[in-house]
mmCIF file of all heavy atoms, coordinates in Angstrom:
data_MODEL
# 
_entry.id   MODEL 
# 
loop_
_atom_site.group_PDB 
_atom_site.id 
_atom_site.type_symbol 
_atom_site.label_atom_id 
_atom_site.label_alt_id 
_atom_site.label_comp_id 
_atom_site.label_asym_id 
_atom_site.label_entity_id 
_atom_site.label_seq_id 
_atom_site.pdbx_PDB_ins_code 
_atom_site.Cartn_x 
_atom_site.Cartn_y 
_atom_site.Cartn_z 
_atom_site.occupancy 
_atom_site.B_iso_or_equiv 
_atom_site.pdbx_formal_charge 
_atom_site.auth_seq_id 
_atom_site.auth_comp_id 
_atom_site.auth_asym_id 
_atom_site.auth_atom_id 
_atom_site.pdbx_PDB_model_num 
ATOM 1   N N   . VAL A 1 1  ? -32.637 -26.626 36.081 1.00 0.00 ? 1  VAL A N   1 
ATOM 2   C CA  . VAL A 1 1  ? -32.140 -27.903 35.558 1.00 0.00 ? 1  VAL A CA  1 
ATOM 3   C C   . VAL A 1 1  ? -33.150 -28.495 34.587 1.00 0.00 ? 1  VAL A C   1 
ATOM 4   O O   . VAL A 1 1  ? -32.796 -28.963 33.495 1.00 0.00 ? 1  VAL A O   1 
ATOM 5   C CB  . VAL A 1 1  ? -31.841 -28.880 36.723 1.00 0.00 ? 1  VAL A CB  1 
ATOM 6   C CG1 . VAL A 1 1  ? -31.741 -30.320 36.207 1.00 0.00 ? 1  VAL A CG1 1 
ATOM 7   C CG2 . VAL A 1 1  ? -30.544 -28.491 37.422 1.00 0.00 ? 1  VAL A CG2 1 
ATOM 8   N N   . ARG A 1 2  ? -34.423 -28.457 34.952 1.00 0.00 ? 2  ARG A N   1 
ATOM 9   C CA  . ARG A 1 2  ? -35.464 -28.992 34.066 1.00 0.00 ? 2  ARG A CA  1 
ATOM 10  C C   . ARG A 1 2  ? -35.596 -28.140 32.812 1.00 0.00 ? 2  ARG A C   1 
ATOM 11  O O   . ARG A 1 2  ? -35.720 -28.675 31.695 1.00 0.00 ? 2  ARG A O   1 
ATOM 12  C CB  . ARG A 1 2  ? -36.804 -29.065 34.814 1.00 0.00 ? 2  ARG A CB  1 
ATOM 13  C CG  . ARG A 1 2  ? -36.845 -30.157 35.891 1.00 0.00 ? 2  ARG A CG  1 
ATOM 14  C CD  . ARG A 1 2  ? -38.259 -30.366 36.400 1.00 0.00 ? 2  ARG A CD  1 
ATOM 15  N NE  . ARG A 1 2  ? -38.746 -29.210 37.158 1.00 0.00 ? 2  ARG A NE  1 
ATOM 16  C CZ  . ARG A 1 2  ? -38.566 -29.045 38.460 1.00 0.00 ? 2  ARG A CZ  1 
ATOM 17  N NH1 . ARG A 1 2  ? -37.901 -29.951 39.158 1.00 0.00 ? 2  ARG A NH1 1 
ATOM 18  N NH2 . ARG A 1 2  ? -39.050 -27.978 39.083 1.00 0.00 ? 2  ARG A NH2 1 
ATOM 19  N N   . PHE A 1 3  ? -35.586 -26.823 32.968 1.00 0.00 ? 3  PHE A N   1 
ATOM 20  C CA  . PHE A 1 3  ? -35.733 -25.935 31.818 1.00 0.00 ? 3  PHE A CA  1 
ATOM 21  C C   . PHE A 1 3  ? -34.612 -26.163 30.801 1.00 0.00 ? 3  PHE A C   1 
ATOM 22  O O   . PHE A 1 3  ? -34.849 -26.129 29.588 1.00 0.00 ? 3  PHE A O   1 
ATOM 23  C CB  . PHE A 1 3  ? -35.722 -24.482 32.284 1.00 0.00 ? 3  PHE A CB  1 
ATOM 24  C CG  . PHE A 1 3  ? -35.715 -23.478 31.167 1.00 0.00 ? 3  PHE A CG  1 
ATOM 25  C CD1 . PHE A 1 3  ? -36.874 -23.175 30.473 1.00 0.00 ? 3  PHE A CD1 1 
ATOM 26  C CD2 . PHE A 1 3  ? -34.538 -22.833 30.798 1.00 0.00 ? 3  PHE A CD2 1 
ATOM 27  C CE1 . PHE A 1 3  ? -36.870 -22.263 29.437 1.00 0.00 ? 3  PHE A CE1 1 
ATOM 28  C CE2 . PHE A 1 3  ? -34.527 -21.915 29.765 1.00 0.00 ? 3  PHE A CE2 1 
ATOM 29  C CZ  . PHE A 1 3  ? -35.696 -21.621 29.076 1.00 0.00 ? 3  PHE A CZ  1 
ATOM 30  N N   . LEU A 1 4  ? -33.409 -26.395 31.286 1.00 0.00 ? 4  LEU A N   1 
ATOM 31  C CA  . LEU A 1 4  ? -32.240 -26.543 30.410 1.00 0.00 ? 4  LEU A CA  1 
ATOM 32  C C   . LEU A 1 4  ? -31.999 -27.992 29.984 1.00 0.00 ? 4  LEU A C   1 
ATOM 33  O O   . LEU A 1 4  ? -31.023 -28.274 29.291 1.00 0.00 ? 4  LEU A O   1 
ATOM 34  C CB  . LEU A 1 4  ? -30.992 -25.993 31.115 1.00 0.00 ? 4  LEU A CB  1 
ATOM 35  C CG  . LEU A 1 4  ? -31.008 -24.483 31.369 1.00 0.00 ? 4  LEU A CG  1 
ATOM 36  C CD1 . LEU A 1 4  ? -29.905 -24.088 32.348 1.00 0.00 ? 4  LEU A CD1 1 
ATOM 37  C CD2 . LEU A 1 4  ? -30.862 -23.709 30.062 1.00 0.00 ? 4  LEU A CD2 1 
ATOM 38  N N   . GLY A 1 5  ? -32.886 -28.895 30.390 1.00 0.00 ? 5  GLY A N   1 
ATOM 39  C CA  . GLY A 1 5  ? -32.746 -30.289 29.993 1.00 0.00 ? 5  GLY A CA  1 
ATOM 40  C C   . GLY A 1 5  ? -31.536 -30.971 30.598 1.00 0.00 ? 5  GLY A C   1 
ATOM 41  O O   . GLY A 1 5  ? -30.899 -31.825 29.954 1.00 0.00 ? 5  GLY A O   1 
ATOM 42  N N   . LEU A 1 6  ? -31.231 -30.655 31.854 1.00 0.00 ? 6  LEU A N   1 
ATOM 43  C CA  . LEU A 1 6  ? -30.045 -31.197 32.514 1.00 0.00 ? 6  LEU A CA  1 
ATOM 44  C C   . LEU A 1 6  ? -30.386 -32.232 33.585 1.00 0.00 ? 6  LEU A C   1 
ATOM 45  O O   . LEU A 1 6  ? -29.529 -32.587 34.400 1.00 0.00 ? 6  LEU A O   1 
ATOM 46  C CB  . LEU A 1 6  ? -29.240 -30.054 33.148 1.00 0.00 ? 6  LEU A CB  1 
ATOM 47  C CG  . LEU A 1 6  ? -28.632 -29.033 32.184 1.00 0.00 ? 6  LEU A CG  1 
ATOM 48  C CD1 . LEU A 1 6  ? -28.118 -27.810 32.953 1.00 0.00 ? 6  LEU A CD1 1 
ATOM 49  C CD2 . LEU A 1 6  ? -27.512 -29.666 31.373 1.00 0.00 ? 6  LEU A CD2 1 
ATOM 50  N N   . GLU A 1 7  ? -31.617 -32.728 33.603 1.00 0.00 ? 7  GLU A N   1 
ATOM 51  C CA  . GLU A 1 7  ? -32.034 -33.645 34.669 1.00 0.00 ? 7  GLU A CA  1 
ATOM 52  C C   . GLU A 1 7  ? -31.126 -34.874 34.771 1.00 0.00 ? 7  GLU A C   1 
ATOM 53  O O   . GLU A 1 7  ? -30.786 -35.309 35.878 1.00 0.00 ? 7  GLU A O   1 
ATOM 54  C CB  . GLU A 1 7  ? -33.473 -34.113 34.450 1.00 0.00 ? 7  GLU A CB  1 
ATOM 55  C CG  . GLU A 1 7  ? -34.517 -32.996 34.430 1.00 0.00 ? 7  GLU A CG  1 
ATOM 56  C CD  . GLU A 1 7  ? -34.913 -32.632 33.018 1.00 0.00 ? 7  GLU A CD  1 
ATOM 57  O OE1 . GLU A 1 7  ? -33.993 -32.474 32.179 1.00 0.00 ? 7  GLU A OE1 1 
ATOM 58  O OE2 . GLU A 1 7  ? -36.126 -32.507 32.757 1.00 0.00 ? 7  GLU A OE2 1 
ATOM 59  N N   . ALA A 1 8  ? -30.723 -35.419 33.632 1.00 0.00 ? 8  ALA A N   1 
ATOM 60  C CA  . ALA A 1 8  ? -29.944 -36.664 33.636 1.00 0.00 ? 8  ALA A CA  1 
ATOM 61  C C   . ALA A 1 8  ? -28.543 -36.488 34.214 1.00 0.00 ? 8  ALA A C   1 
ATOM 62  O O   . ALA A 1 8  ? -27.906 -37.474 34.605 1.00 0.00 ? 8  ALA A O   1 
ATOM 63  C CB  . ALA A 1 8  ? -29.849 -37.224 32.210 1.00 0.00 ? 8  ALA A CB  1 
ATOM 64  N N   . VAL A 1 9  ? -28.061 -35.240 34.266 1.00 0.00 ? 9  VAL A N   1 
ATOM 65  C CA  . VAL A 1 9  ? -26.691 -35.005 34.748 1.00 0.00 ? 9  VAL A CA  1 
ATOM 66  C C   . VAL A 1 9  ? -26.669 -34.097 35.973 1.00 0.00 ? 9  VAL A C   1 
ATOM 67  O O   . VAL A 1 9  ? -25.609 -33.625 36.373 1.00 0.00 ? 9  VAL A O   1 
ATOM 68  C CB  . VAL A 1 9  ? -25.814 -34.394 33.632 1.00 0.00 ? 9  VAL A CB  1 
ATOM 69  C CG1 . VAL A 1 9  ? -25.667 -35.373 32.474 1.00 0.00 ? 9  VAL A CG1 1 
ATOM 70  C CG2 . VAL A 1 9  ? -26.380 -33.054 33.147 1.00 0.00 ? 9  VAL A CG2 1 
ATOM 71  N N   . ALA A 1 10 ? -27.811 -33.872 36.590 1.00 0.00 ? 10 ALA A N   1 
ATOM 72  C CA  . ALA A 1 10 ? -27.900 -32.898 37.685 1.00 0.00 ? 10 ALA A CA  1 
ATOM 73  C C   . ALA A 1 10 ? -26.945 -33.202 38.830 1.00 0.00 ? 10 ALA A C   1 
ATOM 74  O O   . ALA A 1 10 ? -26.413 -32.282 39.462 1.00 0.00 ? 10 ALA A O   1 
ATOM 75  C CB  . ALA A 1 10 ? -29.335 -32.829 38.205 1.00 0.00 ? 10 ALA A CB  1 
ATOM 76  N N   . ASP A 1 11 ? -26.699 -34.498 39.098 1.00 0.00 ? 11 ASP A N   1 
ATOM 77  C CA  . ASP A 1 11 ? -25.845 -34.881 40.225 1.00 0.00 ? 11 ASP A CA  1 
ATOM 78  C C   . ASP A 1 11 ? -24.414 -35.209 39.802 1.00 0.00 ? 11 ASP A C   1 
ATOM 79  O O   . ASP A 1 11 ? -23.589 -35.575 40.641 1.00 0.00 ? 11 ASP A O   1 
ATOM 80  C CB  . ASP A 1 11 ? -26.448 -36.080 40.957 1.00 0.00 ? 11 ASP A CB  1 
ATOM 81  C CG  . ASP A 1 11 ? -27.797 -35.744 41.583 1.00 0.00 ? 11 ASP A CG  1 
ATOM 82  O OD1 . ASP A 1 11 ? -27.943 -34.608 42.081 1.00 0.00 ? 11 ASP A OD1 1 
ATOM 83  O OD2 . ASP A 1 11 ? -28.699 -36.598 41.554 1.00 0.00 ? 11 ASP A OD2 1 
ATOM 84  N N   . LYS A 1 12 ? -24.125 -35.063 38.526 1.00 0.00 ? 12 LYS A N   1 
ATOM 85  C CA  . LYS A 1 12 ? -22.766 -35.335 38.039 1.00 0.00 ? 12 LYS A CA  1 
ATOM 86  C C   . LYS A 1 12 ? -21.862 -34.125 38.263 1.00 0.00 ? 12 LYS A C   1 
ATOM 87  O O   . LYS A 1 12 ? -22.310 -32.986 38.236 1.00 0.00 ? 12 LYS A O   1 
ATOM 88  C CB  . LYS A 1 12 ? -22.788 -35.682 36.544 1.00 0.00 ? 12 LYS A CB  1 
ATOM 89  C CG  . LYS A 1 12 ? -23.362 -37.053 36.242 1.00 0.00 ? 12 LYS A CG  1 
ATOM 90  C CD  . LYS A 1 12 ? -23.211 -37.361 34.762 1.00 0.00 ? 12 LYS A CD  1 
ATOM 91  C CE  . LYS A 1 12 ? -23.690 -38.776 34.444 1.00 0.00 ? 12 LYS A CE  1 
ATOM 92  N NZ  . LYS A 1 12 ? -22.795 -39.795 35.039 1.00 0.00 ? 12 LYS A NZ  1 
ATOM 93  N N   . ARG A 1 13 ? -20.573 -34.409 38.440 1.00 0.00 ? 13 ARG A N   1 
ATOM 94  C CA  . ARG A 1 13 ? -19.605 -33.324 38.526 1.00 0.00 ? 13 ARG A CA  1 
ATOM 95  C C   . ARG A 1 13 ? -19.445 -32.682 37.158 1.00 0.00 ? 13 ARG A C   1 
ATOM 96  O O   . ARG A 1 13 ? -19.427 -33.372 36.127 1.00 0.00 ? 13 ARG A O   1 
ATOM 97  C CB  . ARG A 1 13 ? -18.264 -33.836 39.038 1.00 0.00 ? 13 ARG A CB  1 
ATOM 98  C CG  . ARG A 1 13 ? -18.270 -34.219 40.513 1.00 0.00 ? 13 ARG A CG  1 
ATOM 99  C CD  . ARG A 1 13 ? -16.898 -34.612 40.989 1.00 0.00 ? 13 ARG A CD  1 
ATOM 100 N NE  . ARG A 1 13 ? -16.405 -35.794 40.276 1.00 0.00 ? 13 ARG A NE  1 
ATOM 101 C CZ  . ARG A 1 13 ? -15.212 -36.347 40.501 1.00 0.00 ? 13 ARG A CZ  1 
ATOM 102 N NH1 . ARG A 1 13 ? -14.401 -35.834 41.407 1.00 0.00 ? 13 ARG A NH1 1 
ATOM 103 N NH2 . ARG A 1 13 ? -14.845 -37.420 39.832 1.00 0.00 ? 13 ARG A NH2 1 
ATOM 104 N N   . VAL A 1 14 ? -19.270 -31.388 37.144 1.00 0.00 ? 14 VAL A N   1 
ATOM 105 C CA  . VAL A 1 14 ? -19.136 -30.663 35.881 1.00 0.00 ? 14 VAL A CA  1 
ATOM 106 C C   . VAL A 1 14 ? -17.949 -31.162 35.072 1.00 0.00 ? 14 VAL A C   1 
ATOM 107 O O   . VAL A 1 14 ? -17.991 -31.198 33.834 1.00 0.00 ? 14 VAL A O   1 
ATOM 108 C CB  . VAL A 1 14 ? -19.018 -29.138 36.164 1.00 0.00 ? 14 VAL A CB  1 
ATOM 109 C CG1 . VAL A 1 14 ? -18.531 -28.392 34.943 1.00 0.00 ? 14 VAL A CG1 1 
ATOM 110 C CG2 . VAL A 1 14 ? -20.370 -28.585 36.608 1.00 0.00 ? 14 VAL A CG2 1 
ATOM 111 N N   . SER A 1 15 ? -16.882 -31.559 35.736 1.00 0.00 ? 15 SER A N   1 
ATOM 112 C CA  . SER A 1 15 ? -15.678 -32.031 35.039 1.00 0.00 ? 15 SER A CA  1 
ATOM 113 C C   . SER A 1 15 ? -15.942 -33.276 34.195 1.00 0.00 ? 15 SER A C   1 
ATOM 114 O O   . SER A 1 15 ? -15.160 -33.584 33.290 1.00 0.00 ? 15 SER A O   1 
ATOM 115 C CB  . SER A 1 15 ? -14.567 -32.324 36.053 1.00 0.00 ? 15 SER A CB  1 
ATOM 116 O OG  . SER A 1 15 ? -14.977 -33.323 36.985 1.00 0.00 ? 15 SER A OG  1 
ATOM 117 N N   . GLU A 1 16 ? -17.020 -33.998 34.464 1.00 0.00 ? 16 GLU A N   1 
ATOM 118 C CA  . GLU A 1 16 ? -17.335 -35.224 33.740 1.00 0.00 ? 16 GLU A CA  1 
ATOM 119 C C   . GLU A 1 16 ? -18.164 -34.970 32.481 1.00 0.00 ? 16 GLU A C   1 
ATOM 120 O O   . GLU A 1 16 ? -18.427 -35.908 31.715 1.00 0.00 ? 16 GLU A O   1 
ATOM 121 C CB  . GLU A 1 16 ? -18.103 -36.179 34.657 1.00 0.00 ? 16 GLU A CB  1 
ATOM 122 C CG  . GLU A 1 16 ? -17.362 -36.567 35.926 1.00 0.00 ? 16 GLU A CG  1 
ATOM 123 C CD  . GLU A 1 16 ? -18.233 -37.373 36.875 1.00 0.00 ? 16 GLU A CD  1 
ATOM 124 O OE1 . GLU A 1 16 ? -19.384 -37.676 36.507 1.00 0.00 ? 16 GLU A OE1 1 
ATOM 125 O OE2 . GLU A 1 16 ? -17.762 -37.675 37.981 1.00 0.00 ? 16 GLU A OE2 1 
ATOM 126 N N   . LEU A 1 17 ? -18.562 -33.726 32.250 1.00 0.00 ? 17 LEU A N   1 
ATOM 127 C CA  . LEU A 1 17 ? -19.529 -33.426 31.191 1.00 0.00 ? 17 LEU A CA  1 
ATOM 128 C C   . LEU A 1 17 ? -18.857 -32.919 29.929 1.00 0.00 ? 17 LEU A C   1 
ATOM 129 O O   . LEU A 1 17 ? -17.800 -32.272 29.986 1.00 0.00 ? 17 LEU A O   1 
ATOM 130 C CB  . LEU A 1 17 ? -20.523 -32.377 31.697 1.00 0.00 ? 17 LEU A CB  1 
ATOM 131 C CG  . LEU A 1 17 ? -21.290 -32.733 32.968 1.00 0.00 ? 17 LEU A CG  1 
ATOM 132 C CD1 . LEU A 1 17 ? -22.176 -31.567 33.388 1.00 0.00 ? 17 LEU A CD1 1 
ATOM 133 C CD2 . LEU A 1 17 ? -22.115 -33.995 32.757 1.00 0.00 ? 17 LEU A CD2 1 
ATOM 134 N N   . PRO A 1 18 ? -19.472 -33.151 28.770 1.00 0.00 ? 18 PRO A N   1 
ATOM 135 C CA  . PRO A 1 18 ? -18.955 -32.571 27.522 1.00 0.00 ? 18 PRO A CA  1 
ATOM 136 C C   . PRO A 1 18 ? -19.117 -31.055 27.523 1.00 0.00 ? 18 PRO A C   1 
ATOM 137 O O   . PRO A 1 18 ? -19.918 -30.491 28.275 1.00 0.00 ? 18 PRO A O   1 
ATOM 138 C CB  . PRO A 1 18 ? -19.816 -33.228 26.439 1.00 0.00 ? 18 PRO A CB  1 
ATOM 139 C CG  . PRO A 1 18 ? -21.048 -33.683 27.140 1.00 0.00 ? 18 PRO A CG  1 
ATOM 140 C CD  . PRO A 1 18 ? -20.648 -34.010 28.533 1.00 0.00 ? 18 PRO A CD  1 
ATOM 141 N N   . PHE A 1 19 ? -18.344 -30.415 26.641 1.00 0.00 ? 19 PHE A N   1 
ATOM 142 C CA  . PHE A 1 19 ? -18.267 -28.956 26.635 1.00 0.00 ? 19 PHE A CA  1 
ATOM 143 C C   . PHE A 1 19 ? -19.624 -28.300 26.420 1.00 0.00 ? 19 PHE A C   1 
ATOM 144 O O   . PHE A 1 19 ? -19.979 -27.338 27.115 1.00 0.00 ? 19 PHE A O   1 
ATOM 145 C CB  . PHE A 1 19 ? -17.290 -28.503 25.534 1.00 0.00 ? 19 PHE A CB  1 
ATOM 146 C CG  . PHE A 1 19 ? -16.996 -27.040 25.549 1.00 0.00 ? 19 PHE A CG  1 
ATOM 147 C CD1 . PHE A 1 19 ? -16.167 -26.495 26.516 1.00 0.00 ? 19 PHE A CD1 1 
ATOM 148 C CD2 . PHE A 1 19 ? -17.554 -26.197 24.590 1.00 0.00 ? 19 PHE A CD2 1 
ATOM 149 C CE1 . PHE A 1 19 ? -15.887 -25.130 26.528 1.00 0.00 ? 19 PHE A CE1 1 
ATOM 150 C CE2 . PHE A 1 19 ? -17.282 -24.845 24.606 1.00 0.00 ? 19 PHE A CE2 1 
ATOM 151 C CZ  . PHE A 1 19 ? -16.453 -24.311 25.573 1.00 0.00 ? 19 PHE A CZ  1 
ATOM 152 N N   . GLY A 1 20 ? -20.400 -28.810 25.471 1.00 0.00 ? 20 GLY A N   1 
ATOM 153 C CA  . GLY A 1 20 ? -21.695 -28.197 25.188 1.00 0.00 ? 20 GLY A CA  1 
ATOM 154 C C   . GLY A 1 20 ? -22.636 -28.246 26.382 1.00 0.00 ? 20 GLY A C   1 
ATOM 155 O O   . GLY A 1 20 ? -23.395 -27.296 26.622 1.00 0.00 ? 20 GLY A O   1 
ATOM 156 N N   . THR A 1 21 ? -22.579 -29.329 27.154 1.00 0.00 ? 21 THR A N   1 
ATOM 157 C CA  . THR A 1 21 ? -23.412 -29.438 28.342 1.00 0.00 ? 21 THR A CA  1 
ATOM 158 C C   . THR A 1 21 ? -22.965 -28.456 29.408 1.00 0.00 ? 21 THR A C   1 
ATOM 159 O O   . THR A 1 21 ? -23.778 -27.832 30.098 1.00 0.00 ? 21 THR A O   1 
ATOM 160 C CB  . THR A 1 21 ? -23.370 -30.875 28.892 1.00 0.00 ? 21 THR A CB  1 
ATOM 161 O OG1 . THR A 1 21 ? -23.755 -31.784 27.858 1.00 0.00 ? 21 THR A OG1 1 
ATOM 162 C CG2 . THR A 1 21 ? -24.317 -31.033 30.078 1.00 0.00 ? 21 THR A CG2 1 
ATOM 163 N N   . ARG A 1 22 ? -21.649 -28.303 29.552 1.00 0.00 ? 22 ARG A N   1 
ATOM 164 C CA  . ARG A 1 22 ? -21.129 -27.345 30.534 1.00 0.00 ? 22 ARG A CA  1 
ATOM 165 C C   . ARG A 1 22 ? -21.561 -25.914 30.192 1.00 0.00 ? 22 ARG A C   1 
ATOM 166 O O   . ARG A 1 22 ? -21.773 -25.089 31.089 1.00 0.00 ? 22 ARG A O   1 
ATOM 167 C CB  . ARG A 1 22 ? -19.603 -27.444 30.617 1.00 0.00 ? 22 ARG A CB  1 
ATOM 168 C CG  . ARG A 1 22 ? -19.128 -28.612 31.454 1.00 0.00 ? 22 ARG A CG  1 
ATOM 169 C CD  . ARG A 1 22 ? -17.630 -28.644 31.553 1.00 0.00 ? 22 ARG A CD  1 
ATOM 170 N NE  . ARG A 1 22 ? -17.027 -29.302 30.413 1.00 0.00 ? 22 ARG A NE  1 
ATOM 171 C CZ  . ARG A 1 22 ? -15.746 -29.172 30.061 1.00 0.00 ? 22 ARG A CZ  1 
ATOM 172 N NH1 . ARG A 1 22 ? -14.946 -28.371 30.738 1.00 0.00 ? 22 ARG A NH1 1 
ATOM 173 N NH2 . ARG A 1 22 ? -15.273 -29.831 29.031 1.00 0.00 ? 22 ARG A NH2 1 
ATOM 174 N N   . LYS A 1 23 ? -21.685 -25.627 28.907 1.00 0.00 ? 23 LYS A N   1 
ATOM 175 C CA  . LYS A 1 23 ? -22.184 -24.310 28.504 1.00 0.00 ? 23 LYS A CA  1 
ATOM 176 C C   . LYS A 1 23 ? -23.584 -24.069 29.058 1.00 0.00 ? 23 LYS A C   1 
ATOM 177 O O   . LYS A 1 23 ? -23.910 -22.961 29.510 1.00 0.00 ? 23 LYS A O   1 
ATOM 178 C CB  . LYS A 1 23 ? -22.201 -24.206 26.973 1.00 0.00 ? 23 LYS A CB  1 
ATOM 179 C CG  . LYS A 1 23 ? -20.846 -24.029 26.320 1.00 0.00 ? 23 LYS A CG  1 
ATOM 180 C CD  . LYS A 1 23 ? -20.520 -22.557 26.172 1.00 0.00 ? 23 LYS A CD  1 
ATOM 181 C CE  . LYS A 1 23 ? -19.296 -22.347 25.308 1.00 0.00 ? 23 LYS A CE  1 
ATOM 182 N NZ  . LYS A 1 23 ? -19.032 -20.923 25.060 1.00 0.00 ? 23 LYS A NZ  1 
ATOM 183 N N   . ARG A 1 24 ? -24.426 -25.101 29.005 1.00 0.00 ? 24 ARG A N   1 
ATOM 184 C CA  . ARG A 1 24 ? -25.787 -24.948 29.540 1.00 0.00 ? 24 ARG A CA  1 
ATOM 185 C C   . ARG A 1 24 ? -25.783 -24.794 31.062 1.00 0.00 ? 24 ARG A C   1 
ATOM 186 O O   . ARG A 1 24 ? -26.616 -24.077 31.619 1.00 0.00 ? 24 ARG A O   1 
ATOM 187 C CB  . ARG A 1 24 ? -26.649 -26.145 29.128 1.00 0.00 ? 24 ARG A CB  1 
ATOM 188 C CG  . ARG A 1 24 ? -27.198 -26.038 27.711 1.00 0.00 ? 24 ARG A CG  1 
ATOM 189 C CD  . ARG A 1 24 ? -28.150 -27.156 27.414 1.00 0.00 ? 24 ARG A CD  1 
ATOM 190 N NE  . ARG A 1 24 ? -27.444 -28.400 27.181 1.00 0.00 ? 24 ARG A NE  1 
ATOM 191 C CZ  . ARG A 1 24 ? -27.937 -29.612 27.446 1.00 0.00 ? 24 ARG A CZ  1 
ATOM 192 N NH1 . ARG A 1 24 ? -29.147 -29.740 27.976 1.00 0.00 ? 24 ARG A NH1 1 
ATOM 193 N NH2 . ARG A 1 24 ? -27.234 -30.692 27.192 1.00 0.00 ? 24 ARG A NH2 1 
ATOM 194 N N   . VAL A 1 25 ? -24.844 -25.465 31.723 1.00 0.00 ? 25 VAL A N   1 
ATOM 195 C CA  . VAL A 1 25 ? -24.729 -25.313 33.172 1.00 0.00 ? 25 VAL A CA  1 
ATOM 196 C C   . VAL A 1 25 ? -24.394 -23.865 33.511 1.00 0.00 ? 25 VAL A C   1 
ATOM 197 O O   . VAL A 1 25 ? -24.975 -23.282 34.438 1.00 0.00 ? 25 VAL A O   1 
ATOM 198 C CB  . VAL A 1 25 ? -23.655 -26.263 33.738 1.00 0.00 ? 25 VAL A CB  1 
ATOM 199 C CG1 . VAL A 1 25 ? -23.473 -26.022 35.242 1.00 0.00 ? 25 VAL A CG1 1 
ATOM 200 C CG2 . VAL A 1 25 ? -24.030 -27.715 33.475 1.00 0.00 ? 25 VAL A CG2 1 
ATOM 201 N N   . GLU A 1 26 ? -23.470 -23.268 32.760 1.00 0.00 ? 26 GLU A N   1 
ATOM 202 C CA  . GLU A 1 26 ? -23.117 -21.878 33.051 1.00 0.00 ? 26 GLU A CA  1 
ATOM 203 C C   . GLU A 1 26 ? -24.291 -20.942 32.783 1.00 0.00 ? 26 GLU A C   1 
ATOM 204 O O   . GLU A 1 26 ? -24.500 -19.965 33.515 1.00 0.00 ? 26 GLU A O   1 
ATOM 205 C CB  . GLU A 1 26 ? -21.895 -21.442 32.242 1.00 0.00 ? 26 GLU A CB  1 
ATOM 206 C CG  . GLU A 1 26 ? -21.368 -20.099 32.727 1.00 0.00 ? 26 GLU A CG  1 
ATOM 207 C CD  . GLU A 1 26 ? -20.062 -19.701 32.109 1.00 0.00 ? 26 GLU A CD  1 
ATOM 208 O OE1 . GLU A 1 26 ? -19.914 -19.845 30.878 1.00 0.00 ? 26 GLU A OE1 1 
ATOM 209 O OE2 . GLU A 1 26 ? -19.194 -19.219 32.847 1.00 0.00 ? 26 GLU A OE2 1 
# 
């Protein structure tokens, strides 16, 4: 999560995120 810069959304549901962010989650 830290490496990919996802700290601010770590506890958010994936469905709430923009497409580009979901790409990083995958």
